């Protein structure tokens, strides 16, 4: 192949997607962090704002989104900016 511009000792970092999965993702601005604990403010069926504990990890390929790995479910209505 074309090796124009390549020199001995050069290296590259790359991401190789190996598949896709559906995840629950939320903006980082919606998460309230207190110490190591993470909270999400949701709207209950009664219309009240309730704080729930969640666990997140950074969402690959984004700078400002988090993947929720526990504590929240798809379809929950949440505040987009933590109070």
PDB file of N, CA and C in Angstrom:
ATOM      1  N   UNK A   1       0.815  -1.186   0.000  1.00  0.00           N
ATOM      2  CA  UNK A   1       0.000   0.000   0.000  1.00  0.00           C
ATOM      3  C   UNK A   1       0.858   1.248   0.000  1.00  0.00           C
ATOM      4  N   UNK A   2       0.198   2.366   0.065  1.00  0.00           N
ATOM      5  CA  UNK A   2       0.859   3.673   0.070  1.00  0.00           C
ATOM      6  C   UNK A   2       1.509   3.919   1.423  1.00  0.00           C
ATOM      7  N   UNK A   3       2.812   4.128   1.429  1.00  0.00           N
ATOM      8  CA  UNK A   3       3.547   4.392   2.674  1.00  0.00           C
ATOM      9  C   UNK A   3       4.094   5.814   2.704  1.00  0.00           C
ATOM     10  N   UNK A   4       3.563   6.700   1.872  1.00  0.00           N
ATOM     11  CA  UNK A   4       4.008   8.089   1.830  1.00  0.00           C
ATOM     12  C   UNK A   4       3.882   8.718   3.209  1.00  0.00           C
ATOM     13  N   UNK A   5       4.947   9.351   3.675  1.00  0.00           N
ATOM     14  CA  UNK A   5       4.910  10.037   4.962  1.00  0.00           C
ATOM     15  C   UNK A   5       5.211   9.154   6.153  1.00  0.00           C
ATOM     16  N   UNK A   6       5.349   7.861   5.953  1.00  0.00           N
ATOM     17  CA  UNK A   6       5.651   6.963   7.070  1.00  0.00           C
ATOM     18  C   UNK A   6       7.154   6.850   7.245  1.00  0.00           C
ATOM     19  N   UNK A   7       7.565   6.844   8.503  1.00  0.00           N
ATOM     20  CA  UNK A   7       8.985   6.744   8.828  1.00  0.00           C
ATOM     21  C   UNK A   7       9.166   5.614   9.834  1.00  0.00           C
ATOM     22  N   UNK A   8      10.345   4.975   9.845  1.00  0.00           N
ATOM     23  CA  UNK A   8      10.599   3.941  10.847  1.00  0.00           C
ATOM     24  C   UNK A   8      10.436   4.515  12.262  1.00  0.00           C
ATOM     25  N   UNK A   9       9.832   3.752  13.142  1.00  0.00           N
ATOM     26  CA  UNK A   9       9.636   4.177  14.524  1.00  0.00           C
ATOM     27  C   UNK A   9       8.337   4.920  14.767  1.00  0.00           C
ATOM     28  N   UNK A  10       7.591   5.261  13.731  1.00  0.00           N
ATOM     29  CA  UNK A  10       6.303   5.938  13.919  1.00  0.00           C
ATOM     30  C   UNK A  10       5.276   4.936  14.429  1.00  0.00           C
ATOM     31  N   UNK A  11       4.282   5.450  15.139  1.00  0.00           N
ATOM     32  CA  UNK A  11       3.203   4.586  15.610  1.00  0.00           C
ATOM     33  C   UNK A  11       1.891   5.341  15.536  1.00  0.00           C
ATOM     34  N   UNK A  12       0.806   4.630  15.684  1.00  0.00           N
ATOM     35  CA  UNK A  12      -0.528   5.236  15.636  1.00  0.00           C
ATOM     36  C   UNK A  12      -1.408   4.592  16.693  1.00  0.00           C
ATOM     37  N   UNK A  13      -2.293   5.382  17.231  1.00  0.00           N
ATOM     38  CA  UNK A  13      -3.326   4.866  18.132  1.00  0.00           C
ATOM     39  C   UNK A  13      -4.631   4.890  17.352  1.00  0.00           C
ATOM     40  N   UNK A  14      -5.374   3.813  17.426  1.00  0.00           N
ATOM     41  CA  UNK A  14      -6.625   3.768  16.676  1.00  0.00           C
ATOM     42  C   UNK A  14      -7.676   2.984  17.445  1.00  0.00           C
ATOM     43  N   UNK A  15      -8.915   3.224  17.082  1.00  0.00           N
ATOM     44  CA  UNK A  15     -10.043   2.504  17.659  1.00  0.00           C
ATOM     45  C   UNK A  15     -10.651   1.670  16.550  1.00  0.00           C
ATOM     46  N   UNK A  16     -10.824   0.394  16.819  1.00  0.00           N
ATOM     47  CA  UNK A  16     -11.407  -0.502  15.832  1.00  0.00           C
ATOM     48  C   UNK A  16     -12.735  -1.000  16.380  1.00  0.00           C
ATOM     49  N   UNK A  17     -13.857  -0.516  15.829  1.00  0.00           N
ATOM     50  CA  UNK A  17     -15.152  -0.987  16.324  1.00  0.00           C
ATOM     51  C   UNK A  17     -15.333  -2.470  16.009  1.00  0.00           C
ATOM     52  N   UNK A  18     -15.759  -3.222  17.002  1.00  0.00           N
ATOM     53  CA  UNK A  18     -15.939  -4.666  16.806  1.00  0.00           C
ATOM     54  C   UNK A  18     -17.402  -5.077  16.929  1.00  0.00           C
ATOM     55  N   UNK A  19     -18.268  -4.123  17.111  1.00  0.00           N
ATOM     56  CA  UNK A  19     -19.683  -4.428  17.218  1.00  0.00           C
ATOM     57  C   UNK A  19     -20.415  -3.272  17.858  1.00  0.00           C
ATOM     58  N   UNK A  20     -21.705  -3.400  17.943  1.00  0.00           N
ATOM     59  CA  UNK A  20     -22.521  -2.366  18.555  1.00  0.00           C
ATOM     60  C   UNK A  20     -23.442  -2.990  19.581  1.00  0.00           C
ATOM     61  N   UNK A  21     -23.766  -2.201  20.615  1.00  0.00           N
ATOM     62  CA  UNK A  21     -24.757  -2.642  21.578  1.00  0.00           C
ATOM     63  C   UNK A  21     -25.588  -1.439  21.966  1.00  0.00           C
ATOM     64  N   UNK A  22     -26.824  -1.680  22.356  1.00  0.00           N
ATOM     65  CA  UNK A  22     -27.676  -0.594  22.815  1.00  0.00           C
ATOM     66  C   UNK A  22     -27.358  -0.311  24.269  1.00  0.00           C
ATOM     67  N   UNK A  23     -27.218   0.975  24.591  1.00  0.00           N
ATOM     68  CA  UNK A  23     -26.915   1.381  25.956  1.00  0.00           C
ATOM     69  C   UNK A  23     -27.838   2.527  26.347  1.00  0.00           C
ATOM     70  N   UNK A  24     -27.980   2.724  27.647  1.00  0.00           N
ATOM     71  CA  UNK A  24     -28.699   3.877  28.168  1.00  0.00           C
ATOM     72  C   UNK A  24     -27.670   4.976  28.373  1.00  0.00           C
ATOM     73  N   UNK A  25     -27.775   6.050  27.603  1.00  0.00           N
ATOM     74  CA  UNK A  25     -26.802   7.137  27.670  1.00  0.00           C
ATOM     75  C   UNK A  25     -27.495   8.423  28.095  1.00  0.00           C
ATOM     76  N   UNK A  26     -26.804   9.197  28.943  1.00  0.00           N
ATOM     77  CA  UNK A  26     -27.319  10.477  29.413  1.00  0.00           C
ATOM     78  C   UNK A  26     -26.194  11.510  29.352  1.00  0.00           C
ATOM     79  N   UNK A  27     -26.548  12.794  29.257  1.00  0.00           N
ATOM     80  CA  UNK A  27     -25.495  13.809  29.285  1.00  0.00           C
ATOM     81  C   UNK A  27     -24.834  13.868  30.658  1.00  0.00           C
ATOM     82  N   UNK A  28     -23.539  14.107  30.676  1.00  0.00           N
ATOM     83  CA  UNK A  28     -22.812  14.198  31.946  1.00  0.00           C
ATOM     84  C   UNK A  28     -23.373  15.309  32.825  1.00  0.00           C
ATOM     85  N   UNK A  29     -23.940  16.342  32.215  1.00  0.00           N
ATOM     86  CA  UNK A  29     -24.497  17.462  32.979  1.00  0.00           C
ATOM     87  C   UNK A  29     -25.702  17.056  33.818  1.00  0.00           C
ATOM     88  N   UNK A  30     -26.319  15.912  33.514  1.00  0.00           N
ATOM     89  CA  UNK A  30     -27.486  15.452  34.265  1.00  0.00           C
ATOM     90  C   UNK A  30     -27.101  14.718  35.543  1.00  0.00           C
ATOM     91  N   UNK A  31     -25.824  14.395  35.703  1.00  0.00           N
ATOM     92  CA  UNK A  31     -25.374  13.597  36.845  1.00  0.00           C
ATOM     93  C   UNK A  31     -24.836  14.510  37.942  1.00  0.00           C
ATOM     94  N   UNK A  32     -25.342  14.299  39.151  1.00  0.00           N
ATOM     95  CA  UNK A  32     -24.840  15.001  40.332  1.00  0.00           C
ATOM     96  C   UNK A  32     -23.858  14.068  41.017  1.00  0.00           C
ATOM     97  N   UNK A  33     -22.613  14.515  41.160  1.00  0.00           N
ATOM     98  CA  UNK A  33     -21.597  13.698  41.827  1.00  0.00           C
ATOM     99  C   UNK A  33     -21.336  14.274  43.204  1.00  0.00           C
ATOM    100  N   UNK A  34     -21.422  13.417  44.209  1.00  0.00           N
ATOM    101  CA  UNK A  34     -21.086  13.774  45.581  1.00  0.00           C
ATOM    102  C   UNK A  34     -20.062  12.748  46.034  1.00  0.00           C
ATOM    103  N   UNK A  35     -18.800  13.165  46.106  1.00  0.00           N
ATOM    104  CA  UNK A  35     -17.734  12.205  46.381  1.00  0.00           C
ATOM    105  C   UNK A  35     -17.660  11.224  45.230  1.00  0.00           C
ATOM    106  N   UNK A  36     -17.729   9.939  45.552  1.00  0.00           N
ATOM    107  CA  UNK A  36     -17.698   8.906  44.514  1.00  0.00           C
ATOM    108  C   UNK A  36     -19.095   8.455  44.103  1.00  0.00           C
ATOM    109  N   UNK A  37     -20.128   9.034  44.715  1.00  0.00           N
ATOM    110  CA  UNK A  37     -21.504   8.646  44.410  1.00  0.00           C
ATOM    111  C   UNK A  37     -22.058   9.496  43.277  1.00  0.00           C
ATOM    112  N   UNK A  38     -22.910   8.872  42.458  1.00  0.00           N
ATOM    113  CA  UNK A  38     -23.531   9.561  41.330  1.00  0.00           C
ATOM    114  C   UNK A  38     -25.042   9.468  41.465  1.00  0.00           C
ATOM    115  N   UNK A  39     -25.707  10.595  41.199  1.00  0.00           N
ATOM    116  CA  UNK A  39     -27.161  10.651  41.319  1.00  0.00           C
ATOM    117  C   UNK A  39     -27.765  11.229  40.051  1.00  0.00           C
ATOM    118  N   UNK A  40     -28.992  10.800  39.782  1.00  0.00           N
ATOM    119  CA  UNK A  40     -29.779  11.318  38.674  1.00  0.00           C
ATOM    120  C   UNK A  40     -31.105  11.773  39.253  1.00  0.00           C
ATOM    121  N   UNK A  41     -31.559  12.953  38.864  1.00  0.00           N
ATOM    122  CA  UNK A  41     -32.853  13.453  39.320  1.00  0.00           C
ATOM    123  C   UNK A  41     -33.894  13.089  38.269  1.00  0.00           C
ATOM    124  N   UNK A  42     -34.884  12.306  38.685  1.00  0.00           N
ATOM    125  CA  UNK A  42     -35.933  11.858  37.772  1.00  0.00           C
ATOM    126  C   UNK A  42     -37.273  12.420  38.224  1.00  0.00           C
ATOM    127  N   UNK A  43     -38.236  12.407  37.306  1.00  0.00           N
ATOM    128  CA  UNK A  43     -39.592  12.815  37.630  1.00  0.00           C
ATOM    129  C   UNK A  43     -40.404  11.550  37.878  1.00  0.00           C
ATOM    130  N   UNK A  44     -40.998  11.464  39.080  1.00  0.00           N
ATOM    131  CA  UNK A  44     -41.783  10.284  39.446  1.00  0.00           C
ATOM    132  C   UNK A  44     -43.125  10.305  38.717  1.00  0.00           C
ATOM    133  N   UNK A  45     -43.863   9.203  38.820  1.00  0.00           N
ATOM    134  CA  UNK A  45     -45.191   9.118  38.212  1.00  0.00           C
ATOM    135  C   UNK A  45     -46.126  10.180  38.774  1.00  0.00           C
ATOM    136  N   UNK A  46     -45.867  10.616  40.011  1.00  0.00           N
ATOM    137  CA  UNK A  46     -46.694  11.642  40.651  1.00  0.00           C
ATOM    138  C   UNK A  46     -46.247  13.050  40.265  1.00  0.00           C
ATOM    139  N   UNK A  47     -45.191  13.163  39.478  1.00  0.00           N
ATOM    140  CA  UNK A  47     -44.708  14.461  39.037  1.00  0.00           C
ATOM    141  C   UNK A  47     -43.667  15.090  39.943  1.00  0.00           C
ATOM    142  N   UNK A  48     -43.249  14.386  40.980  1.00  0.00           N
ATOM    143  CA  UNK A  48     -42.238  14.914  41.896  1.00  0.00           C
ATOM    144  C   UNK A  48     -40.840  14.590  41.373  1.00  0.00           C
ATOM    145  N   UNK A  49     -39.883  15.457  41.705  1.00  0.00           N
ATOM    146  CA  UNK A  49     -38.487  15.201  41.349  1.00  0.00           C
ATOM    147  C   UNK A  49     -37.859  14.375  42.464  1.00  0.00           C
ATOM    148  N   UNK A  50     -37.283  13.237  42.085  1.00  0.00           N
ATOM    149  CA  UNK A  50     -36.704  12.290  43.034  1.00  0.00           C
ATOM    150  C   UNK A  50     -35.252  12.039  42.642  1.00  0.00           C
ATOM    151  N   UNK A  51     -34.368  11.952  43.626  1.00  0.00           N
ATOM    152  CA  UNK A  51     -32.952  11.660  43.378  1.00  0.00           C
ATOM    153  C   UNK A  51     -32.738  10.156  43.507  1.00  0.00           C
ATOM    154  N   UNK A  52     -32.150   9.541  42.461  1.00  0.00           N
ATOM    155  CA  UNK A  52     -31.817   8.117  42.526  1.00  0.00           C
ATOM    156  C   UNK A  52     -30.311   7.953  42.338  1.00  0.00           C
ATOM    157  N   UNK A  53     -29.763   6.911  42.933  1.00  0.00           N
ATOM    158  CA  UNK A  53     -28.337   6.621  42.786  1.00  0.00           C
ATOM    159  C   UNK A  53     -28.135   5.809  41.513  1.00  0.00           C
ATOM    160  N   UNK A  54     -27.122   6.183  40.753  1.00  0.00           N
ATOM    161  CA  UNK A  54     -26.796   5.468  39.521  1.00  0.00           C
ATOM    162  C   UNK A  54     -25.298   5.192  39.487  1.00  0.00           C
ATOM    163  N   UNK A  55     -24.899   4.345  38.552  1.00  0.00           N
ATOM    164  CA  UNK A  55     -23.482   4.119  38.262  1.00  0.00           C
ATOM    165  C   UNK A  55     -23.306   4.326  36.771  1.00  0.00           C
ATOM    166  N   UNK A  56     -22.231   5.041  36.412  1.00  0.00           N
ATOM    167  CA  UNK A  56     -21.982   5.336  35.005  1.00  0.00           C
ATOM    168  C   UNK A  56     -20.535   5.044  34.630  1.00  0.00           C
ATOM    169  N   UNK A  57     -20.325   4.950  33.334  1.00  0.00           N
ATOM    170  CA  UNK A  57     -18.983   4.891  32.753  1.00  0.00           C
ATOM    171  C   UNK A  57     -18.991   5.835  31.556  1.00  0.00           C
ATOM    172  N   UNK A  58     -17.828   6.367  31.179  1.00  0.00           N
ATOM    173  CA  UNK A  58     -17.792   7.233  29.992  1.00  0.00           C
ATOM    174  C   UNK A  58     -18.288   6.472  28.763  1.00  0.00           C
ATOM    175  N   UNK A  59     -19.060   7.155  27.932  1.00  0.00           N
ATOM    176  CA  UNK A  59     -19.560   6.539  26.706  1.00  0.00           C
ATOM    177  C   UNK A  59     -18.489   6.680  25.634  1.00  0.00           C
ATOM    178  N   UNK A  60     -18.042   5.562  25.115  1.00  0.00           N
ATOM    179  CA  UNK A  60     -16.962   5.554  24.121  1.00  0.00           C
ATOM    180  C   UNK A  60     -17.314   6.439  22.931  1.00  0.00           C
ATOM    181  N   UNK A  61     -16.349   7.233  22.517  1.00  0.00           N
ATOM    182  CA  UNK A  61     -16.524   8.060  21.335  1.00  0.00           C
ATOM    183  C   UNK A  61     -17.195   9.394  21.585  1.00  0.00           C
ATOM    184  N   UNK A  62     -17.496   9.711  22.848  1.00  0.00           N
ATOM    185  CA  UNK A  62     -18.115  10.998  23.163  1.00  0.00           C
ATOM    186  C   UNK A  62     -17.332  11.684  24.272  1.00  0.00           C
ATOM    187  N   UNK A  63     -17.483  12.998  24.347  1.00  0.00           N
ATOM    188  CA  UNK A  63     -16.788  13.750  25.390  1.00  0.00           C
ATOM    189  C   UNK A  63     -17.707  14.112  26.545  1.00  0.00           C
ATOM    190  N   UNK A  64     -19.021  14.138  26.292  1.00  0.00           N
ATOM    191  CA  UNK A  64     -19.928  14.654  27.312  1.00  0.00           C
ATOM    192  C   UNK A  64     -21.126  13.749  27.595  1.00  0.00           C
ATOM    193  N   UNK A  65     -21.023  12.480  27.229  1.00  0.00           N
ATOM    194  CA  UNK A  65     -22.111  11.535  27.486  1.00  0.00           C
ATOM    195  C   UNK A  65     -21.599  10.400  28.365  1.00  0.00           C
ATOM    196  N   UNK A  66     -22.503   9.865  29.187  1.00  0.00           N
ATOM    197  CA  UNK A  66     -22.179   8.753  30.074  1.00  0.00           C
ATOM    198  C   UNK A  66     -23.115   7.591  29.793  1.00  0.00           C
ATOM    199  N   UNK A  67     -22.597   6.385  29.924  1.00  0.00           N
ATOM    200  CA  UNK A  67     -23.419   5.177  29.838  1.00  0.00           C
ATOM    201  C   UNK A  67     -23.841   4.807  31.253  1.00  0.00           C
ATOM    202  N   UNK A  68     -25.151   4.651  31.455  1.00  0.00           N
ATOM    203  CA  UNK A  68     -25.663   4.251  32.764  1.00  0.00           C
ATOM    204  C   UNK A  68     -25.597   2.731  32.835  1.00  0.00           C
ATOM    205  N   UNK A  69     -24.833   2.210  33.816  1.00  0.00           N
ATOM    206  CA  UNK A  69     -24.700   0.758  33.932  1.00  0.00           C
ATOM    207  C   UNK A  69     -25.576   0.188  35.038  1.00  0.00           C
ATOM    208  N   UNK A  70     -26.099   1.046  35.929  1.00  0.00           N
ATOM    209  CA  UNK A  70     -27.074   0.574  36.918  1.00  0.00           C
ATOM    210  C   UNK A  70     -27.802   1.759  37.526  1.00  0.00           C
ATOM    211  N   UNK A  71     -29.020   1.492  37.995  1.00  0.00           N
ATOM    212  CA  UNK A  71     -29.787   2.478  38.738  1.00  0.00           C
ATOM    213  C   UNK A  71     -30.893   3.165  37.975  1.00  0.00           C
ATOM    214  N   UNK A  72     -30.791   3.281  36.665  1.00  0.00           N
ATOM    215  CA  UNK A  72     -31.827   3.938  35.862  1.00  0.00           C
ATOM    216  C   UNK A  72     -32.271   2.989  34.759  1.00  0.00           C
ATOM    217  N   UNK A  73     -33.478   3.246  34.256  1.00  0.00           N
ATOM    218  CA  UNK A  73     -34.039   2.400  33.208  1.00  0.00           C
ATOM    219  C   UNK A  73     -34.448   3.261  32.021  1.00  0.00           C
ATOM    220  N   UNK A  74     -34.463   2.677  30.828  1.00  0.00           N
ATOM    221  CA  UNK A  74     -34.926   3.426  29.658  1.00  0.00           C
ATOM    222  C   UNK A  74     -36.351   3.931  29.882  1.00  0.00           C
ATOM    223  N   UNK A  75     -36.615   5.125  29.408  1.00  0.00           N
ATOM    224  CA  UNK A  75     -37.951   5.701  29.525  1.00  0.00           C
ATOM    225  C   UNK A  75     -38.140   6.605  30.728  1.00  0.00           C
ATOM    226  N   UNK A  76     -37.206   6.561  31.687  1.00  0.00           N
ATOM    227  CA  UNK A  76     -37.313   7.456  32.847  1.00  0.00           C
ATOM    228  C   UNK A  76     -37.126   8.894  32.376  1.00  0.00           C
ATOM    229  N   UNK A  77     -37.946   9.785  32.928  1.00  0.00           N
ATOM    230  CA  UNK A  77     -37.799  11.201  32.624  1.00  0.00           C
ATOM    231  C   UNK A  77     -36.850  11.801  33.648  1.00  0.00           C
ATOM    232  N   UNK A  78     -35.802  12.455  33.193  1.00  0.00           N
ATOM    233  CA  UNK A  78     -34.794  12.992  34.105  1.00  0.00           C
ATOM    234  C   UNK A  78     -34.521  14.459  33.795  1.00  0.00           C
ATOM    235  N   UNK A  79     -33.960  15.158  34.779  1.00  0.00           N
ATOM    236  CA  UNK A  79     -33.549  16.548  34.575  1.00  0.00           C
ATOM    237  C   UNK A  79     -32.244  16.541  33.793  1.00  0.00           C
ATOM    238  N   UNK A  80     -32.181  17.319  32.724  1.00  0.00           N
ATOM    239  CA  UNK A  80     -30.985  17.313  31.884  1.00  0.00           C
ATOM    240  C   UNK A  80     -29.796  18.008  32.527  1.00  0.00           C
ATOM    241  N   UNK A  81     -30.054  18.853  33.515  1.00  0.00           N
ATOM    242  CA  UNK A  81     -28.978  19.514  34.247  1.00  0.00           C
ATOM    243  C   UNK A  81     -29.216  19.270  35.726  1.00  0.00           C
ATOM    244  N   UNK A  82     -28.231  18.690  36.402  1.00  0.00           N
ATOM    245  CA  UNK A  82     -28.378  18.389  37.830  1.00  0.00           C
ATOM    246  C   UNK A  82     -28.509  19.693  38.613  1.00  0.00           C
ATOM    247  N   UNK A  83     -29.430  19.728  39.587  1.00  0.00           N
ATOM    248  CA  UNK A  83     -29.597  20.949  40.395  1.00  0.00           C
ATOM    249  C   UNK A  83     -28.413  21.197  41.310  1.00  0.00           C
TER     250      UNK A  83
END
